[in-house]
Amino acid sequence: MKVKLSDNAATKALVERLKEGTITYNAHDFGGFEKVGALGFSLPSNDTYITTEHFQTYKQGTLHMVKSLDLVDMRQMAPECLPLIFNKAKE
């Protein structure tokens, strides 16, 4: 798989982490069209994209598609609970 890395703090931190060795994580199906999983470590956040005109236009054009949105801080959860949560989301 080829990827194009963005130039930001999160990418740089991920590259530094990869220099230490392979990163393995368990990915779970989510919503029938996504794979999600916890890396087991945090990366710096980079929110500059969400302030761009392109993103704001996209956001306004898709708002009608969102019925509800619950954001959960995954860093605060015990990793052993993640499979239970993602299995629950499938039901």
N, C-alpha and C. Protein backbone atom coordinates (compact mmCIF):
# COMPACT_ATOMS: atom_id res chain seq x y z
N MET A 1 0.85 -1.16 0.00
CA MET A 1 0.00 0.00 0.00
C MET A 1 0.90 1.23 0.00
N LYS A 2 0.60 2.17 -0.86
CA LYS A 2 1.33 3.43 -0.90
C LYS A 2 0.52 4.51 -0.21
N VAL A 3 1.20 5.37 0.50
CA VAL A 3 0.53 6.48 1.18
C VAL A 3 1.30 7.76 0.91
N LYS A 4 0.60 8.87 0.93
CA LYS A 4 1.23 10.17 0.85
C LYS A 4 1.05 10.83 2.21
N LEU A 5 2.15 11.11 2.87
CA LEU A 5 2.09 11.67 4.21
C LEU A 5 1.93 13.18 4.18
N SER A 6 1.10 13.68 5.05
CA SER A 6 0.95 15.12 5.23
C SER A 6 2.14 15.63 6.03
N ASP A 7 2.41 16.92 5.89
CA ASP A 7 3.51 17.53 6.63
C ASP A 7 2.93 18.21 7.87
N ASN A 8 2.82 17.44 8.96
CA ASN A 8 2.31 18.00 10.21
C ASN A 8 2.91 17.25 11.40
N ALA A 9 2.64 17.74 12.58
CA ALA A 9 3.23 17.18 13.79
C ALA A 9 2.83 15.72 14.02
N ALA A 10 1.59 15.38 13.72
CA ALA A 10 1.12 14.01 13.93
C ALA A 10 1.87 13.04 13.02
N THR A 11 2.03 13.42 11.76
CA THR A 11 2.76 12.56 10.82
C THR A 11 4.21 12.39 11.24
N LYS A 12 4.83 13.48 11.64
CA LYS A 12 6.23 13.40 12.07
C LYS A 12 6.37 12.50 13.30
N ALA A 13 5.43 12.60 14.23
CA ALA A 13 5.48 11.74 15.42
C ALA A 13 5.26 10.28 15.05
N LEU A 14 4.36 10.03 14.11
CA LEU A 14 4.11 8.66 13.66
C LEU A 14 5.35 8.08 12.99
N VAL A 15 6.00 8.86 12.14
CA VAL A 15 7.22 8.40 11.47
C VAL A 15 8.30 8.08 12.50
N GLU A 16 8.45 8.94 13.50
CA GLU A 16 9.44 8.67 14.56
C GLU A 16 9.11 7.38 15.29
N ARG A 17 7.83 7.15 15.54
CA ARG A 17 7.41 5.92 16.22
C ARG A 17 7.69 4.69 15.36
N LEU A 18 7.49 4.83 14.05
CA LEU A 18 7.75 3.71 13.14
C LEU A 18 9.24 3.37 13.07
N LYS A 19 10.08 4.34 13.31
CA LYS A 19 11.53 4.08 13.33
C LYS A 19 11.90 3.12 14.46
N GLU A 20 11.05 3.05 15.49
CA GLU A 20 11.29 2.15 16.62
C GLU A 20 10.90 0.71 16.28
N GLY A 21 10.09 0.53 15.24
CA GLY A 21 9.66 -0.81 14.85
C GLY A 21 8.23 -0.80 14.33
N THR A 22 7.75 -1.97 14.02
CA THR A 22 6.42 -2.15 13.47
C THR A 22 5.34 -1.77 14.47
N ILE A 23 4.29 -1.14 13.99
CA ILE A 23 3.12 -0.82 14.81
C ILE A 23 2.01 -1.79 14.41
N THR A 24 1.52 -2.52 15.36
CA THR A 24 0.43 -3.47 15.10
C THR A 24 -0.79 -3.05 15.92
N TYR A 25 -1.94 -3.08 15.30
CA TYR A 25 -3.17 -2.76 16.01
C TYR A 25 -4.30 -3.62 15.48
N ASN A 26 -5.31 -3.80 16.28
CA ASN A 26 -6.50 -4.55 15.88
C ASN A 26 -7.51 -3.58 15.30
N ALA A 27 -7.90 -3.81 14.06
CA ALA A 27 -8.90 -2.97 13.41
C ALA A 27 -10.25 -3.68 13.47
N HIS A 28 -11.28 -2.90 13.69
CA HIS A 28 -12.64 -3.43 13.77
C HIS A 28 -13.49 -2.72 12.73
N ASP A 29 -14.46 -3.44 12.17
CA ASP A 29 -15.42 -2.81 11.26
C ASP A 29 -16.27 -1.83 12.04
N PHE A 30 -16.56 -0.71 11.43
CA PHE A 30 -17.39 0.30 12.07
C PHE A 30 -18.29 0.93 11.02
N GLY A 31 -19.58 0.86 11.25
CA GLY A 31 -20.53 1.48 10.34
C GLY A 31 -20.66 0.78 9.01
N GLY A 32 -20.06 -0.38 8.85
CA GLY A 32 -20.19 -1.12 7.61
C GLY A 32 -19.29 -0.62 6.49
N PHE A 33 -18.52 0.43 6.72
CA PHE A 33 -17.67 0.95 5.65
C PHE A 33 -16.34 1.51 6.13
N GLU A 34 -16.05 1.36 7.42
CA GLU A 34 -14.81 1.88 7.97
C GLU A 34 -14.12 0.82 8.82
N LYS A 35 -12.84 0.98 8.97
CA LYS A 35 -12.06 0.19 9.91
C LYS A 35 -11.52 1.16 10.94
N VAL A 36 -11.64 0.81 12.21
CA VAL A 36 -11.13 1.65 13.29
C VAL A 36 -10.36 0.78 14.27
N GLY A 37 -9.44 1.41 14.96
CA GLY A 37 -8.69 0.69 15.97
C GLY A 37 -7.80 1.64 16.73
N ALA A 38 -7.47 1.27 17.94
CA ALA A 38 -6.61 2.10 18.79
C ALA A 38 -5.15 1.75 18.52
N LEU A 39 -4.33 2.78 18.36
CA LEU A 39 -2.89 2.58 18.16
C LEU A 39 -2.20 2.16 19.45
N GLY A 40 -2.76 2.55 20.58
CA GLY A 40 -2.13 2.25 21.86
C GLY A 40 -1.22 3.37 22.33
N PHE A 41 -1.19 4.45 21.58
CA PHE A 41 -0.42 5.63 21.97
C PHE A 41 -1.06 6.85 21.30
N SER A 42 -0.76 8.01 21.82
CA SER A 42 -1.35 9.25 21.31
C SER A 42 -0.41 9.93 20.32
N LEU A 43 -1.01 10.67 19.42
CA LEU A 43 -0.28 11.51 18.48
C LEU A 43 -0.76 12.95 18.66
N PRO A 44 0.08 13.92 18.31
CA PRO A 44 -0.39 15.31 18.39
C PRO A 44 -1.59 15.52 17.47
N SER A 45 -2.52 16.36 17.88
CA SER A 45 -3.66 16.63 17.02
C SER A 45 -3.30 17.71 16.02
N ASN A 46 -3.96 17.67 14.88
CA ASN A 46 -3.71 18.65 13.82
C ASN A 46 -5.07 19.02 13.24
N ASP A 47 -5.62 20.11 13.70
CA ASP A 47 -6.98 20.48 13.30
C ASP A 47 -7.02 21.56 12.22
N THR A 48 -5.90 21.85 11.58
CA THR A 48 -5.90 22.95 10.61
C THR A 48 -6.82 22.67 9.43
N TYR A 49 -6.97 21.40 9.02
CA TYR A 49 -7.80 21.09 7.86
C TYR A 49 -9.26 21.47 8.09
N ILE A 50 -9.76 21.29 9.29
CA ILE A 50 -11.18 21.55 9.52
C ILE A 50 -11.54 23.03 9.47
N THR A 51 -10.54 23.88 9.39
CA THR A 51 -10.81 25.32 9.27
C THR A 51 -10.70 25.81 7.82
N THR A 52 -10.38 24.91 6.89
CA THR A 52 -10.23 25.33 5.50
C THR A 52 -11.60 25.57 4.86
N GLU A 53 -11.61 26.40 3.84
CA GLU A 53 -12.86 26.68 3.12
C GLU A 53 -13.44 25.40 2.52
N HIS A 54 -12.57 24.54 1.98
CA HIS A 54 -13.02 23.29 1.39
C HIS A 54 -13.78 22.43 2.41
N PHE A 55 -13.20 22.27 3.59
CA PHE A 55 -13.86 21.45 4.61
C PHE A 55 -15.17 22.08 5.07
N GLN A 56 -15.16 23.39 5.28
CA GLN A 56 -16.38 24.06 5.74
C GLN A 56 -17.50 23.91 4.71
N THR A 57 -17.17 23.99 3.43
CA THR A 57 -18.18 23.79 2.37
C THR A 57 -18.70 22.36 2.41
N TYR A 58 -17.79 21.40 2.55
CA TYR A 58 -18.18 19.99 2.66
C TYR A 58 -19.07 19.78 3.88
N LYS A 59 -18.67 20.34 5.00
CA LYS A 59 -19.43 20.19 6.25
C LYS A 59 -20.85 20.71 6.09
N GLN A 60 -20.99 21.90 5.52
CA GLN A 60 -22.32 22.48 5.35
C GLN A 60 -23.17 21.65 4.39
N GLY A 61 -22.52 21.06 3.39
CA GLY A 61 -23.25 20.25 2.42
C GLY A 61 -23.66 18.89 2.93
N THR A 62 -23.06 18.43 4.02
CA THR A 62 -23.38 17.09 4.53
C THR A 62 -24.08 17.11 5.89
N LEU A 63 -24.31 18.28 6.44
CA LEU A 63 -24.95 18.36 7.76
C LEU A 63 -26.29 17.64 7.80
N HIS A 64 -27.05 17.70 6.72
CA HIS A 64 -28.36 17.05 6.70
C HIS A 64 -28.27 15.53 6.81
N MET A 65 -27.08 14.98 6.58
CA MET A 65 -26.90 13.54 6.64
C MET A 65 -26.68 13.04 8.06
N VAL A 66 -26.35 13.92 8.97
CA VAL A 66 -26.04 13.52 10.34
C VAL A 66 -27.28 13.63 11.21
N LYS A 67 -27.70 12.50 11.74
CA LYS A 67 -28.88 12.47 12.62
C LYS A 67 -28.47 12.76 14.06
N SER A 68 -27.33 12.20 14.47
CA SER A 68 -26.79 12.45 15.80
C SER A 68 -25.30 12.16 15.76
N LEU A 69 -24.60 12.73 16.69
CA LEU A 69 -23.15 12.56 16.74
C LEU A 69 -22.70 12.53 18.19
N ASP A 70 -22.10 11.43 18.58
CA ASP A 70 -21.55 11.29 19.92
C ASP A 70 -20.05 11.09 19.80
N LEU A 71 -19.29 12.04 20.29
CA LEU A 71 -17.84 11.93 20.27
C LEU A 71 -17.37 11.39 21.61
N VAL A 72 -16.50 10.42 21.54
CA VAL A 72 -16.00 9.77 22.74
C VAL A 72 -14.48 9.89 22.75
N ASP A 73 -13.91 10.32 23.85
CA ASP A 73 -12.47 10.42 23.99
C ASP A 73 -11.93 9.01 24.22
N MET A 74 -11.40 8.40 23.17
CA MET A 74 -10.95 7.02 23.24
C MET A 74 -9.71 6.85 24.12
N ARG A 75 -8.97 7.91 24.35
CA ARG A 75 -7.76 7.78 25.15
C ARG A 75 -8.09 7.47 26.60
N GLN A 76 -9.28 7.79 27.04
CA GLN A 76 -9.65 7.58 28.43
C GLN A 76 -10.19 6.18 28.70
N MET A 77 -10.42 5.40 27.65
CA MET A 77 -11.00 4.08 27.83
C MET A 77 -9.94 3.03 28.04
N ALA A 78 -10.30 2.02 28.77
CA ALA A 78 -9.43 0.86 28.91
C ALA A 78 -9.41 0.12 27.58
N PRO A 79 -8.24 -0.19 27.03
CA PRO A 79 -8.16 -0.85 25.72
C PRO A 79 -8.99 -2.13 25.64
N GLU A 80 -9.09 -2.85 26.74
CA GLU A 80 -9.85 -4.10 26.70
C GLU A 80 -11.35 -3.87 26.48
N CYS A 81 -11.82 -2.63 26.67
CA CYS A 81 -13.23 -2.32 26.46
C CYS A 81 -13.55 -1.98 25.00
N LEU A 82 -12.55 -1.65 24.21
CA LEU A 82 -12.81 -1.22 22.84
C LEU A 82 -13.54 -2.27 22.01
N PRO A 83 -13.17 -3.56 22.04
CA PRO A 83 -13.92 -4.53 21.25
C PRO A 83 -15.40 -4.60 21.66
N LEU A 84 -15.67 -4.44 22.92
CA LEU A 84 -17.07 -4.45 23.39
C LEU A 84 -17.84 -3.28 22.80
N ILE A 85 -17.23 -2.13 22.75
CA ILE A 85 -17.89 -0.94 22.22
C ILE A 85 -18.14 -1.09 20.73
N PHE A 86 -17.12 -1.53 19.99
CA PHE A 86 -17.28 -1.63 18.54
C PHE A 86 -18.22 -2.77 18.16
N ASN A 87 -18.25 -3.84 18.93
CA ASN A 87 -19.23 -4.89 18.68
C ASN A 87 -20.63 -4.37 18.93
N LYS A 88 -20.81 -3.56 19.96
CA LYS A 88 -22.10 -2.98 20.27
C LYS A 88 -22.56 -2.08 19.13
N ALA A 89 -21.64 -1.34 18.52
CA ALA A 89 -21.98 -0.43 17.43
C ALA A 89 -22.49 -1.18 16.21
N LYS A 90 -22.11 -2.43 16.03
CA LYS A 90 -22.55 -3.23 14.88
C LYS A 90 -24.01 -3.66 15.01
N GLU A 91 -24.48 -3.77 16.24
CA GLU A 91 -25.85 -4.29 16.48
C GLU A 91 -26.92 -3.33 16.04
